[in-house]
Amino acid sequence: MFDLMSQFYELIGNEVEASGGKVVKFIGDAALLVYSEENAQRGVEALQQLRATANNWLKTHGLTGELRVRAHLGPVICGLLGTASEKRFDVLGETVNVTALLRPDGLTLSPELQSHLQS
């Protein structure tokens, strides 16, 4: 299972980085990803593609389930956090919490993100 999770993390990371996004962290079978506001449209398109790619990967490996994506737009505080000897990039703020609380239904876009994409 560890090897499969490692492969899945690489799949997510490769897709996100190729589309201009950044993997902030993995949390079990979940990932926190960020795209810049200027890159929101490209980010949503990349997340749609990532979802299709990941779901195909899961089926190919005989795994049930699907990748569910929640996306929101808003301000965050970001930077390096951690211990004195090991700091990592992280994001904090209400935007992160709102995103986590969105009801996952395939690809869920918050009203704020939808409004931004339409403008």
PDB file of N, CA and C in Angstrom:
ATOM      1  N   MET A   1       0.829  -1.189   0.000  1.00  0.00           N
ATOM      2  CA  MET A   1       0.000   0.000   0.000  1.00  0.00           C
ATOM      3  C   MET A   1       0.877   1.258   0.000  1.00  0.00           C
ATOM      4  N   PHE A   2       1.986   1.191   0.744  1.00  0.00           N
ATOM      5  CA  PHE A   2       2.883   2.350   0.801  1.00  0.00           C
ATOM      6  C   PHE A   2       3.419   2.696  -0.588  1.00  0.00           C
ATOM      7  N   ASP A   3       3.792   1.669  -1.352  1.00  0.00           N
ATOM      8  CA  ASP A   3       4.292   1.906  -2.707  1.00  0.00           C
ATOM      9  C   ASP A   3       3.220   2.534  -3.600  1.00  0.00           C
ATOM     10  N   LEU A   4       1.975   2.068  -3.474  1.00  0.00           N
ATOM     11  CA  LEU A   4       0.889   2.653  -4.250  1.00  0.00           C
ATOM     12  C   LEU A   4       0.668   4.110  -3.880  1.00  0.00           C
ATOM     13  N   MET A   5       0.704   4.412  -2.587  1.00  0.00           N
ATOM     14  CA  MET A   5       0.534   5.804  -2.153  1.00  0.00           C
ATOM     15  C   MET A   5       1.675   6.673  -2.675  1.00  0.00           C
ATOM     16  N   SER A   6       2.879   6.143  -2.687  1.00  0.00           N
ATOM     17  CA  SER A   6       4.024   6.876  -3.212  1.00  0.00           C
ATOM     18  C   SER A   6       3.822   7.189  -4.699  1.00  0.00           C
ATOM     19  N   GLN A   7       3.355   6.217  -5.449  1.00  0.00           N
ATOM     20  CA  GLN A   7       3.079   6.427  -6.872  1.00  0.00           C
ATOM     21  C   GLN A   7       1.965   7.459  -7.068  1.00  0.00           C
ATOM     22  N   PHE A   8       0.936   7.373  -6.230  1.00  0.00           N
ATOM     23  CA  PHE A   8      -0.190   8.302  -6.335  1.00  0.00           C
ATOM     24  C   PHE A   8       0.275   9.730  -6.024  1.00  0.00           C
ATOM     25  N   TYR A   9       1.089   9.903  -4.996  1.00  0.00           N
ATOM     26  CA  TYR A   9       1.640  11.221  -4.665  1.00  0.00           C
ATOM     27  C   TYR A   9       2.437  11.777  -5.841  1.00  0.00           C
ATOM     28  N   GLU A  10       3.238  10.933  -6.466  1.00  0.00           N
ATOM     29  CA  GLU A  10       4.025  11.378  -7.616  1.00  0.00           C
ATOM     30  C   GLU A  10       3.122  11.787  -8.765  1.00  0.00           C
ATOM     31  N   LEU A  11       2.075  11.015  -9.014  1.00  0.00           N
ATOM     32  CA  LEU A  11       1.121  11.346 -10.065  1.00  0.00           C
ATOM     33  C   LEU A  11       0.513  12.724  -9.809  1.00  0.00           C
ATOM     34  N   ILE A  12       0.042  12.950  -8.595  1.00  0.00           N
ATOM     35  CA  ILE A  12      -0.558  14.239  -8.239  1.00  0.00           C
ATOM     36  C   ILE A  12       0.476  15.346  -8.400  1.00  0.00           C
ATOM     37  N   GLY A  13       1.650  15.152  -7.830  1.00  0.00           N
ATOM     38  CA  GLY A  13       2.695  16.167  -7.886  1.00  0.00           C
ATOM     39  C   GLY A  13       3.103  16.524  -9.302  1.00  0.00           C
ATOM     40  N   ASN A  14       3.292  15.524 -10.137  1.00  0.00           N
ATOM     41  CA  ASN A  14       3.688  15.773 -11.523  1.00  0.00           C
ATOM     42  C   ASN A  14       2.634  16.587 -12.269  1.00  0.00           C
ATOM     43  N   GLU A  15       1.378  16.219 -12.113  1.00  0.00           N
ATOM     44  CA  GLU A  15       0.287  16.919 -12.805  1.00  0.00           C
ATOM     45  C   GLU A  15       0.159  18.364 -12.313  1.00  0.00           C
ATOM     46  N   VAL A  16       0.209  18.548 -11.013  1.00  0.00           N
ATOM     47  CA  VAL A  16       0.020  19.884 -10.440  1.00  0.00           C
ATOM     48  C   VAL A  16       1.182  20.794 -10.813  1.00  0.00           C
ATOM     49  N   GLU A  17       2.402  20.317 -10.651  1.00  0.00           N
ATOM     50  CA  GLU A  17       3.571  21.142 -10.960  1.00  0.00           C
ATOM     51  C   GLU A  17       3.626  21.486 -12.446  1.00  0.00           C
ATOM     52  N   ALA A  18       3.246  20.550 -13.323  1.00  0.00           N
ATOM     53  CA  ALA A  18       3.257  20.804 -14.767  1.00  0.00           C
ATOM     54  C   ALA A  18       2.248  21.880 -15.163  1.00  0.00           C
ATOM     55  N   SER A  19       1.225  22.063 -14.339  1.00  0.00           N
ATOM     56  CA  SER A  19       0.184  23.044 -14.663  1.00  0.00           C
ATOM     57  C   SER A  19       0.371  24.375 -13.931  1.00  0.00           C
ATOM     58  N   GLY A  20       1.508  24.541 -13.263  1.00  0.00           N
ATOM     59  CA  GLY A  20       1.782  25.811 -12.597  1.00  0.00           C
ATOM     60  C   GLY A  20       1.312  25.889 -11.165  1.00  0.00           C
ATOM     61  N   GLY A  21       0.862  24.785 -10.608  1.00  0.00           N
ATOM     62  CA  GLY A  21       0.421  24.764  -9.214  1.00  0.00           C
ATOM     63  C   GLY A  21       1.526  24.277  -8.297  1.00  0.00           C
ATOM     64  N   LYS A  22       1.187  24.217  -7.019  1.00  0.00           N
ATOM     65  CA  LYS A  22       2.158  23.761  -6.015  1.00  0.00           C
ATOM     66  C   LYS A  22       1.465  22.820  -5.045  1.00  0.00           C
ATOM     67  N   VAL A  23       2.109  21.700  -4.770  1.00  0.00           N
ATOM     68  CA  VAL A  23       1.632  20.796  -3.726  1.00  0.00           C
ATOM     69  C   VAL A  23       2.143  21.347  -2.408  1.00  0.00           C
ATOM     70  N   VAL A  24       1.228  21.710  -1.520  1.00  0.00           N
ATOM     71  CA  VAL A  24       1.621  22.201  -0.203  1.00  0.00           C
ATOM     72  C   VAL A  24       1.947  21.016   0.690  1.00  0.00           C
ATOM     73  N   LYS A  25       1.041  20.038   0.710  1.00  0.00           N
ATOM     74  CA  LYS A  25       1.287  18.845   1.526  1.00  0.00           C
ATOM     75  C   LYS A  25       0.299  17.755   1.166  1.00  0.00           C
ATOM     76  N   PHE A  26       0.677  16.541   1.528  1.00  0.00           N
ATOM     77  CA  PHE A  26      -0.209  15.388   1.435  1.00  0.00           C
ATOM     78  C   PHE A  26      -0.634  15.037   2.851  1.00  0.00           C
ATOM     79  N   ILE A  27      -1.889  14.653   2.978  1.00  0.00           N
ATOM     80  CA  ILE A  27      -2.447  14.282   4.277  1.00  0.00           C
ATOM     81  C   ILE A  27      -3.181  12.966   4.060  1.00  0.00           C
ATOM     82  N   GLY A  28      -2.489  11.840   4.279  1.00  0.00           N
ATOM     83  CA  GLY A  28      -3.100  10.548   3.981  1.00  0.00           C
ATOM     84  C   GLY A  28      -3.364  10.446   2.493  1.00  0.00           C
ATOM     85  N   ASP A  29      -4.618  10.217   2.109  1.00  0.00           N
ATOM     86  CA  ASP A  29      -4.945  10.131   0.691  1.00  0.00           C
ATOM     87  C   ASP A  29      -5.441  11.458   0.130  1.00  0.00           C
ATOM     88  N   ALA A  30      -5.222  12.548   0.862  1.00  0.00           N
ATOM     89  CA  ALA A  30      -5.622  13.887   0.427  1.00  0.00           C
ATOM     90  C   ALA A  30      -4.379  14.735   0.161  1.00  0.00           C
ATOM     91  N   ALA A  31      -4.594  15.810  -0.584  1.00  0.00           N
ATOM     92  CA  ALA A  31      -3.503  16.740  -0.868  1.00  0.00           C
ATOM     93  C   ALA A  31      -4.034  18.164  -0.797  1.00  0.00           C
ATOM     94  N   LEU A  32      -3.203  19.070  -0.319  1.00  0.00           N
ATOM     95  CA  LEU A  32      -3.510  20.496  -0.319  1.00  0.00           C
ATOM     96  C   LEU A  32      -2.670  21.116  -1.426  1.00  0.00           C
ATOM     97  N   LEU A  33      -3.341  21.712  -2.408  1.00  0.00           N
ATOM     98  CA  LEU A  33      -2.696  22.280  -3.585  1.00  0.00           C
ATOM     99  C   LEU A  33      -3.038  23.752  -3.682  1.00  0.00           C
ATOM    100  N   VAL A  34      -2.152  24.543  -4.260  1.00  0.00           N
ATOM    101  CA  VAL A  34      -2.451  25.957  -4.475  1.00  0.00           C
ATOM    102  C   VAL A  34      -2.060  26.367  -5.891  1.00  0.00           C
ATOM    103  N   TYR A  35      -2.832  27.305  -6.404  1.00  0.00           N
ATOM    104  CA  TYR A  35      -2.558  27.991  -7.665  1.00  0.00           C
ATOM    105  C   TYR A  35      -2.702  29.479  -7.380  1.00  0.00           C
ATOM    106  N   SER A  36      -1.994  30.290  -8.113  1.00  0.00           N
ATOM    107  CA  SER A  36      -2.135  31.736  -7.937  1.00  0.00           C
ATOM    108  C   SER A  36      -3.489  32.186  -8.481  1.00  0.00           C
ATOM    109  N   GLU A  37      -3.962  33.318  -7.990  1.00  0.00           N
ATOM    110  CA  GLU A  37      -5.235  33.874  -8.467  1.00  0.00           C
ATOM    111  C   GLU A  37      -5.181  34.115  -9.976  1.00  0.00           C
ATOM    112  N   GLU A  38      -4.042  34.585 -10.454  1.00  0.00           N
ATOM    113  CA  GLU A  38      -3.885  34.851 -11.890  1.00  0.00           C
ATOM    114  C   GLU A  38      -3.955  33.565 -12.711  1.00  0.00           C
ATOM    115  N   ASN A  39      -3.709  32.457 -12.084  1.00  0.00           N
ATOM    116  CA  ASN A  39      -3.667  31.157 -12.747  1.00  0.00           C
ATOM    117  C   ASN A  39      -4.915  30.318 -12.422  1.00  0.00           C
ATOM    118  N   ALA A  40      -5.977  30.969 -11.940  1.00  0.00           N
ATOM    119  CA  ALA A  40      -7.163  30.233 -11.467  1.00  0.00           C
ATOM    120  C   ALA A  40      -7.820  29.412 -12.580  1.00  0.00           C
ATOM    121  N   GLN A  41      -8.004  30.005 -13.746  1.00  0.00           N
ATOM    122  CA  GLN A  41      -8.658  29.274 -14.842  1.00  0.00           C
ATOM    123  C   GLN A  41      -7.829  28.055 -15.235  1.00  0.00           C
ATOM    124  N   ARG A  42      -6.543  28.260 -15.398  1.00  0.00           N
ATOM    125  CA  ARG A  42      -5.659  27.143 -15.743  1.00  0.00           C
ATOM    126  C   ARG A  42      -5.659  26.102 -14.627  1.00  0.00           C
ATOM    127  N   GLY A  43      -5.714  26.568 -13.386  1.00  0.00           N
ATOM    128  CA  GLY A  43      -5.750  25.655 -12.248  1.00  0.00           C
ATOM    129  C   GLY A  43      -6.986  24.775 -12.260  1.00  0.00           C
ATOM    130  N   VAL A  44      -8.134  25.365 -12.524  1.00  0.00           N
ATOM    131  CA  VAL A  44      -9.381  24.581 -12.560  1.00  0.00           C
ATOM    132  C   VAL A  44      -9.321  23.566 -13.700  1.00  0.00           C
ATOM    133  N   GLU A  45      -8.836  23.988 -14.854  1.00  0.00           N
ATOM    134  CA  GLU A  45      -8.703  23.058 -15.978  1.00  0.00           C
ATOM    135  C   GLU A  45      -7.746  21.918 -15.620  1.00  0.00           C
ATOM    136  N   ALA A  46      -6.664  22.264 -14.934  1.00  0.00           N
ATOM    137  CA  ALA A  46      -5.697  21.245 -14.524  1.00  0.00           C
ATOM    138  C   ALA A  46      -6.311  20.285 -13.507  1.00  0.00           C
ATOM    139  N   LEU A  47      -7.129  20.807 -12.613  1.00  0.00           N
ATOM    140  CA  LEU A  47      -7.784  19.951 -11.621  1.00  0.00           C
ATOM    141  C   LEU A  47      -8.789  19.011 -12.278  1.00  0.00           C
ATOM    142  N   GLN A  48      -9.468  19.484 -13.314  1.00  0.00           N
ATOM    143  CA  GLN A  48     -10.379  18.612 -14.063  1.00  0.00           C
ATOM    144  C   GLN A  48      -9.588  17.476 -14.712  1.00  0.00           C
ATOM    145  N   GLN A  49      -8.461  17.813 -15.317  1.00  0.00           N
ATOM    146  CA  GLN A  49      -7.623  16.796 -15.952  1.00  0.00           C
ATOM    147  C   GLN A  49      -7.027  15.862 -14.907  1.00  0.00           C
ATOM    148  N   LEU A  50      -6.575  16.428 -13.793  1.00  0.00           N
ATOM    149  CA  LEU A  50      -6.019  15.614 -12.711  1.00  0.00           C
ATOM    150  C   LEU A  50      -7.039  14.609 -12.217  1.00  0.00           C
ATOM    151  N   ARG A  51      -8.264  15.051 -12.069  1.00  0.00           N
ATOM    152  CA  ARG A  51      -9.333  14.160 -11.597  1.00  0.00           C
ATOM    153  C   ARG A  51      -9.505  12.980 -12.552  1.00  0.00           C
ATOM    154  N   ALA A  52      -9.555  13.258 -13.839  1.00  0.00           N
ATOM    155  CA  ALA A  52      -9.708  12.186 -14.832  1.00  0.00           C
ATOM    156  C   ALA A  52      -8.500  11.250 -14.813  1.00  0.00           C
ATOM    157  N   THR A  53      -7.309  11.811 -14.764  1.00  0.00           N
ATOM    158  CA  THR A  53      -6.088  11.009 -14.739  1.00  0.00           C
ATOM    159  C   THR A  53      -6.018  10.144 -13.490  1.00  0.00           C
ATOM    160  N   ALA A  54      -6.311  10.742 -12.342  1.00  0.00           N
ATOM    161  CA  ALA A  54      -6.251  10.003 -11.075  1.00  0.00           C
ATOM    162  C   ALA A  54      -7.301   8.900 -11.024  1.00  0.00           C
ATOM    163  N   ASN A  55      -8.509   9.200 -11.486  1.00  0.00           N
ATOM    164  CA  ASN A  55      -9.557   8.171 -11.472  1.00  0.00           C
ATOM    165  C   ASN A  55      -9.191   7.000 -12.375  1.00  0.00           C
ATOM    166  N   ASN A  56      -8.594   7.287 -13.520  1.00  0.00           N
ATOM    167  CA  ASN A  56      -8.127   6.229 -14.407  1.00  0.00           C
ATOM    168  C   ASN A  56      -7.011   5.427 -13.738  1.00  0.00           C
ATOM    169  N   TRP A  57      -6.092   6.113 -13.064  1.00  0.00           N
ATOM    170  CA  TRP A  57      -4.998   5.441 -12.359  1.00  0.00           C
ATOM    171  C   TRP A  57      -5.552   4.509 -11.278  1.00  0.00           C
ATOM    172  N   LEU A  58      -6.538   4.982 -10.527  1.00  0.00           N
ATOM    173  CA  LEU A  58      -7.139   4.155  -9.478  1.00  0.00           C
ATOM    174  C   LEU A  58      -7.739   2.879 -10.069  1.00  0.00           C
ATOM    175  N   LYS A  59      -8.491   3.020 -11.153  1.00  0.00           N
ATOM    176  CA  LYS A  59      -9.106   1.852 -11.792  1.00  0.00           C
ATOM    177  C   LYS A  59      -8.045   0.890 -12.318  1.00  0.00           C
ATOM    178  N   THR A  60      -7.004   1.443 -12.946  1.00  0.00           N
ATOM    179  CA  THR A  60      -5.922   0.617 -13.494  1.00  0.00           C
ATOM    180  C   THR A  60      -5.268  -0.225 -12.404  1.00  0.00           C
ATOM    181  N   HIS A  61      -5.220   0.315 -11.195  1.00  0.00           N
ATOM    182  CA  HIS A  61      -4.598  -0.403 -10.084  1.00  0.00           C
ATOM    183  C   HIS A  61      -5.616  -1.200  -9.249  1.00  0.00           C
ATOM    184  N   GLY A  62      -6.818  -1.361  -9.790  1.00  0.00           N
ATOM    185  CA  GLY A  62      -7.826  -2.184  -9.132  1.00  0.00           C
ATOM    186  C   GLY A  62      -8.372  -1.572  -7.845  1.00  0.00           C
ATOM    187  N   LEU A  63      -8.291  -0.254  -7.732  1.00  0.00           N
ATOM    188  CA  LEU A  63      -8.769   0.426  -6.524  1.00  0.00           C
ATOM    189  C   LEU A  63     -10.114   1.080  -6.779  1.00  0.00           C
ATOM    190  N   THR A  64     -11.004   0.981  -5.810  1.00  0.00           N
ATOM    191  CA  THR A  64     -12.297   1.640  -5.939  1.00  0.00           C
ATOM    192  C   THR A  64     -12.178   3.058  -5.395  1.00  0.00           C
ATOM    193  N   GLY A  65     -13.134   3.867  -5.721  1.00  0.00           N
ATOM    194  CA  GLY A  65     -13.125   5.246  -5.249  1.00  0.00           C
ATOM    195  C   GLY A  65     -12.837   6.202  -6.387  1.00  0.00           C
ATOM    196  N   GLU A  66     -12.814   7.470  -6.047  1.00  0.00           N
ATOM    197  CA  GLU A  66     -12.561   8.509  -7.031  1.00  0.00           C
ATOM    198  C   GLU A  66     -11.886   9.692  -6.357  1.00  0.00           C
ATOM    199  N   LEU A  67     -11.216  10.487  -7.170  1.00  0.00           N
ATOM    200  CA  LEU A  67     -10.605  11.703  -6.660  1.00  0.00           C
ATOM    201  C   LEU A  67     -11.678  12.778  -6.597  1.00  0.00           C
ATOM    202  N   ARG A  68     -11.865  13.327  -5.438  1.00  0.00           N
ATOM    203  CA  ARG A  68     -12.812  14.420  -5.254  1.00  0.00           C
ATOM    204  C   ARG A  68     -12.018  15.699  -5.027  1.00  0.00           C
ATOM    205  N   VAL A  69     -12.400  16.737  -5.735  1.00  0.00           N
ATOM    206  CA  VAL A  69     -11.663  17.993  -5.707  1.00  0.00           C
ATOM    207  C   VAL A  69     -12.561  19.092  -5.177  1.00  0.00           C
ATOM    208  N   ARG A  70     -12.006  19.879  -4.261  1.00  0.00           N
ATOM    209  CA  ARG A  70     -12.673  21.075  -3.738  1.00  0.00           C
ATOM    210  C   ARG A  70     -11.763  22.250  -4.049  1.00  0.00           C
ATOM    211  N   ALA A  71     -12.314  23.298  -4.645  1.00  0.00           N
ATOM    212  CA  ALA A  71     -11.492  24.449  -5.006  1.00  0.00           C
ATOM    213  C   ALA A  71     -12.188  25.743  -4.585  1.00  0.00           C
ATOM    214  N   HIS A  72     -11.394  26.651  -4.066  1.00  0.00           N
ATOM    215  CA  HIS A  72     -11.891  27.921  -3.537  1.00  0.00           C
ATOM    216  C   HIS A  72     -10.881  29.006  -3.893  1.00  0.00           C
ATOM    217  N   LEU A  73     -11.306  30.238  -3.825  1.00  0.00           N
ATOM    218  CA  LEU A  73     -10.427  31.367  -4.112  1.00  0.00           C
ATOM    219  C   LEU A  73     -10.490  32.342  -2.958  1.00  0.00           C
ATOM    220  N   GLY A  74      -9.335  32.744  -2.459  1.00  0.00           N
ATOM    221  CA  GLY A  74      -9.306  33.725  -1.389  1.00  0.00           C
ATOM    222  C   GLY A  74      -7.897  33.916  -0.868  1.00  0.00           C
ATOM    223  N   PRO A  75      -7.756  34.868   0.043  1.00  0.00           N
ATOM    224  CA  PRO A  75      -6.423  35.172   0.574  1.00  0.00           C
ATOM    225  C   PRO A  75      -5.943  34.119   1.564  1.00  0.00           C
ATOM    226  N   VAL A  76      -4.648  33.912   1.570  1.00  0.00           N
ATOM    227  CA  VAL A  76      -4.008  33.023   2.539  1.00  0.00           C
ATOM    228  C   VAL A  76      -2.725  33.687   3.017  1.00  0.00           C
ATOM    229  N   ILE A  77      -2.263  33.222   4.141  1.00  0.00           N
ATOM    230  CA  ILE A  77      -0.928  33.572   4.613  1.00  0.00           C
ATOM    231  C   ILE A  77      -0.058  32.381   4.253  1.00  0.00           C
ATOM    232  N   CYS A  78       1.089  32.635   3.645  1.00  0.00           N
ATOM    233  CA  CYS A  78       1.939  31.519   3.247  1.00  0.00           C
ATOM    234  C   CYS A  78       3.390  31.817   3.568  1.00  0.00           C
ATOM    235  N   GLY A  79       4.128  30.743   3.720  1.00  0.00           N
ATOM    236  CA  GLY A  79       5.545  30.861   3.994  1.00  0.00           C
ATOM    237  C   GLY A  79       6.076  29.575   4.574  1.00  0.00           C
ATOM    238  N   LEU A  80       7.286  29.643   5.064  1.00  0.00           N
ATOM    239  CA  LEU A  80       7.930  28.469   5.640  1.00  0.00           C
ATOM    240  C   LEU A  80       7.576  28.358   7.110  1.00  0.00           C
ATOM    241  N   LEU A  81       7.109  27.179   7.504  1.00  0.00           N
ATOM    242  CA  LEU A  81       6.758  26.886   8.896  1.00  0.00           C
ATOM    243  C   LEU A  81       7.374  25.556   9.293  1.00  0.00           C
ATOM    244  N   GLY A  82       7.600  25.406  10.572  1.00  0.00           N
ATOM    245  CA  GLY A  82       8.095  24.128  11.061  1.00  0.00           C
ATOM    246  C   GLY A  82       9.037  24.296  12.222  1.00  0.00           C
ATOM    247  N   THR A  83       9.814  23.260  12.432  1.00  0.00           N
ATOM    248  CA  THR A  83      10.765  23.274  13.534  1.00  0.00           C
ATOM    249  C   THR A  83      11.977  24.121  13.158  1.00  0.00           C
ATOM    250  N   ALA A  84      12.842  24.339  14.111  1.00  0.00           N
ATOM    251  CA  ALA A  84      14.042  25.131  13.849  1.00  0.00           C
ATOM    252  C   ALA A  84      14.905  24.496  12.762  1.00  0.00           C
ATOM    253  N   SER A  85      14.922  23.170  12.676  1.00  0.00           N
ATOM    254  CA  SER A  85      15.787  22.493  11.714  1.00  0.00           C
ATOM    255  C   SER A  85      15.072  22.046  10.445  1.00  0.00           C
ATOM    256  N   GLU A  86      13.742  22.115  10.421  1.00  0.00           N
ATOM    257  CA  GLU A  86      13.013  21.649   9.230  1.00  0.00           C
ATOM    258  C   GLU A  86      11.762  22.490   9.005  1.00  0.00           C
ATOM    259  N   LYS A  87      11.848  23.406   8.076  1.00  0.00           N
ATOM    260  CA  LYS A  87      10.713  24.254   7.724  1.00  0.00           C
ATOM    261  C   LYS A  87      10.220  23.881   6.326  1.00  0.00           C
ATOM    262  N   ARG A  88       8.908  23.957   6.142  1.00  0.00           N
ATOM    263  CA  ARG A  88       8.285  23.632   4.864  1.00  0.00           C
ATOM    264  C   ARG A  88       7.274  24.705   4.510  1.00  0.00           C
ATOM    265  N   PHE A  89       7.057  24.871   3.218  1.00  0.00           N
ATOM    266  CA  PHE A  89       6.057  25.819   2.740  1.00  0.00           C
ATOM    267  C   PHE A  89       4.676  25.368   3.208  1.00  0.00           C
ATOM    268  N   ASP A  90       3.875  26.315   3.700  1.00  0.00           N
ATOM    269  CA  ASP A  90       2.512  25.992   4.135  1.00  0.00           C
ATOM    270  C   ASP A  90       1.623  27.204   3.890  1.00  0.00           C
ATOM    271  N   VAL A  91       0.325  26.984   3.900  1.00  0.00           N
ATOM    272  CA  VAL A  91      -0.660  28.059   3.774  1.00  0.00           C
ATOM    273  C   VAL A  91      -1.632  27.966   4.940  1.00  0.00           C
ATOM    274  N   LEU A  92      -2.039  29.120   5.422  1.00  0.00           N
ATOM    275  CA  LEU A  92      -2.952  29.197   6.560  1.00  0.00           C
ATOM    276  C   LEU A  92      -4.022  30.239   6.271  1.00  0.00           C
ATOM    277  N   GLY A  93      -5.142  30.100   6.953  1.00  0.00           N
ATOM    278  CA  GLY A  93      -6.171  31.123   6.883  1.00  0.00           C
ATOM    279  C   GLY A  93      -7.554  30.558   6.662  1.00  0.00           C
ATOM    280  N   GLU A  94      -8.510  31.449   6.735  1.00  0.00           N
ATOM    281  CA  GLU A  94      -9.912  31.070   6.579  1.00  0.00           C
ATOM    282  C   GLU A  94     -10.178  30.434   5.221  1.00  0.00           C
ATOM    283  N   THR A  95      -9.479  30.884   4.186  1.00  0.00           N
ATOM    284  CA  THR A  95      -9.663  30.317   2.849  1.00  0.00           C
ATOM    285  C   THR A  95      -9.399  28.813   2.846  1.00  0.00           C
ATOM    286  N   VAL A  96      -8.366  28.400   3.554  1.00  0.00           N
ATOM    287  CA  VAL A  96      -8.040  26.973   3.642  1.00  0.00           C
ATOM    288  C   VAL A  96      -9.170  26.225   4.349  1.00  0.00           C
ATOM    289  N   ASN A  97      -9.668  26.807   5.431  1.00  0.00           N
ATOM    290  CA  ASN A  97     -10.751  26.168   6.192  1.00  0.00           C
ATOM    291  C   ASN A  97     -12.033  26.088   5.376  1.00  0.00           C
ATOM    292  N   VAL A  98     -12.379  27.157   4.665  1.00  0.00           N
ATOM    293  CA  VAL A  98     -13.586  27.152   3.828  1.00  0.00           C
ATOM    294  C   VAL A  98     -13.473  26.069   2.761  1.00  0.00           C
ATOM    295  N   THR A  99     -12.314  25.955   2.155  1.00  0.00           N
ATOM    296  CA  THR A  99     -12.101  24.933   1.125  1.00  0.00           C
ATOM    297  C   THR A  99     -12.321  23.535   1.686  1.00  0.00           C
ATOM    298  N   ALA A 100     -11.764  23.300   2.853  1.00  0.00           N
ATOM    299  CA  ALA A 100     -11.887  21.974   3.480  1.00  0.00           C
ATOM    300  C   ALA A 100     -13.333  21.625   3.802  1.00  0.00           C
ATOM    301  N   LEU A 101     -14.154  22.637   4.034  1.00  0.00           N
ATOM    302  CA  LEU A 101     -15.549  22.393   4.417  1.00  0.00           C
ATOM    303  C   LEU A 101     -16.509  22.335   3.233  1.00  0.00           C
ATOM    304  N   LEU A 102     -16.017  22.605   2.023  1.00  0.00           N
ATOM    305  CA  LEU A 102     -16.882  22.476   0.845  1.00  0.00           C
ATOM    306  C   LEU A 102     -17.337  21.033   0.714  1.00  0.00           C
ATOM    307  N   ARG A 103     -18.569  20.857   0.315  1.00  0.00           N
ATOM    308  CA  ARG A 103     -19.099  19.504   0.134  1.00  0.00           C
ATOM    309  C   ARG A 103     -18.491  18.890  -1.132  1.00  0.00           C
ATOM    310  N   PRO A 104     -17.740  17.812  -0.981  1.00  0.00           N
ATOM    311  CA  PRO A 104     -17.093  17.235  -2.167  1.00  0.00           C
ATOM    312  C   PRO A 104     -18.089  16.473  -3.030  1.00  0.00           C
ATOM    313  N   ASP A 105     -18.128  16.810  -4.296  1.00  0.00           N
ATOM    314  CA  ASP A 105     -19.045  16.150  -5.223  1.00  0.00           C
ATOM    315  C   ASP A 105     -18.369  16.105  -6.586  1.00  0.00           C
ATOM    316  N   GLY A 106     -17.362  15.285  -6.715  1.00  0.00           N
ATOM    317  CA  GLY A 106     -16.607  15.263  -7.963  1.00  0.00           C
ATOM    318  C   GLY A 106     -15.642  16.428  -7.992  1.00  0.00           C
ATOM    319  N   LEU A 107     -16.020  17.487  -8.695  1.00  0.00           N
ATOM    320  CA  LEU A 107     -15.241  18.723  -8.732  1.00  0.00           C
ATOM    321  C   LEU A 107     -16.132  19.831  -8.195  1.00  0.00           C
ATOM    322  N   THR A 108     -15.854  20.293  -6.996  1.00  0.00           N
ATOM    323  CA  THR A 108     -16.661  21.315  -6.337  1.00  0.00           C
ATOM    324  C   THR A 108     -15.915  22.638  -6.366  1.00  0.00           C
ATOM    325  N   LEU A 109     -16.523  23.642  -6.979  1.00  0.00           N
ATOM    326  CA  LEU A 109     -15.967  24.989  -7.017  1.00  0.00           C
ATOM    327  C   LEU A 109     -16.805  25.886  -6.129  1.00  0.00           C
ATOM    328  N   SER A 110     -16.151  26.656  -5.281  1.00  0.00           N
ATOM    329  CA  SER A 110     -16.876  27.574  -4.402  1.00  0.00           C
ATOM    330  C   SER A 110     -17.528  28.685  -5.234  1.00  0.00           C
ATOM    331  N   PRO A 111     -18.569  29.314  -4.690  1.00  0.00           N
ATOM    332  CA  PRO A 111     -19.183  30.450  -5.398  1.00  0.00           C
ATOM    333  C   PRO A 111     -18.182  31.560  -5.718  1.00  0.00           C
ATOM    334  N   GLU A 112     -17.244  31.805  -4.812  1.00  0.00           N
ATOM    335  CA  GLU A 112     -16.238  32.846  -5.032  1.00  0.00           C
ATOM    336  C   GLU A 112     -15.360  32.519  -6.240  1.00  0.00           C
ATOM    337  N   LEU A 113     -14.961  31.265  -6.354  1.00  0.00           N
ATOM    338  CA  LEU A 113     -14.132  30.857  -7.487  1.00  0.00           C
ATOM    339  C   LEU A 113     -14.944  30.911  -8.769  1.00  0.00           C
ATOM    340  N   GLN A 114     -16.162  30.448  -8.746  1.00  0.00           N
ATOM    341  CA  GLN A 114     -17.015  30.496  -9.926  1.00  0.00           C
ATOM    342  C   GLN A 114     -17.196  31.929 -10.404  1.00  0.00           C
ATOM    343  N   SER A 115     -17.435  32.842  -9.476  1.00  0.00           N
ATOM    344  CA  SER A 115     -17.603  34.257  -9.820  1.00  0.00           C
ATOM    345  C   SER A 115     -16.334  34.823 -10.449  1.00  0.00           C
ATOM    346  N   HIS A 116     -15.184  34.480  -9.894  1.00  0.00           N
ATOM    347  CA  HIS A 116     -13.908  34.943 -10.434  1.00  0.00           C
ATOM    348  C   HIS A 116     -13.711  34.436 -11.856  1.00  0.00           C
ATOM    349  N   LEU A 117     -14.050  33.192 -12.105  1.00  0.00           N
ATOM    350  CA  LEU A 117     -13.860  32.613 -13.431  1.00  0.00           C
ATOM    351  C   LEU A 117     -14.780  33.254 -14.460  1.00  0.00           C
ATOM    352  N   GLN A 118     -15.945  33.720 -14.020  1.00  0.00           N
ATOM    353  CA  GLN A 118     -16.901  34.322 -14.946  1.00  0.00           C
ATOM    354  C   GLN A 118     -16.554  35.776 -15.256  1.00  0.00           C
ATOM    355  N   SER A 119     -15.725  36.390 -14.407  1.00  0.00           N
ATOM    356  CA  SER A 119     -15.401  37.819 -14.635  1.00  0.00           C
ATOM    357  C   SER A 119     -14.229  38.007 -15.573  1.00  0.00           C
TER     358      SER A 119
END
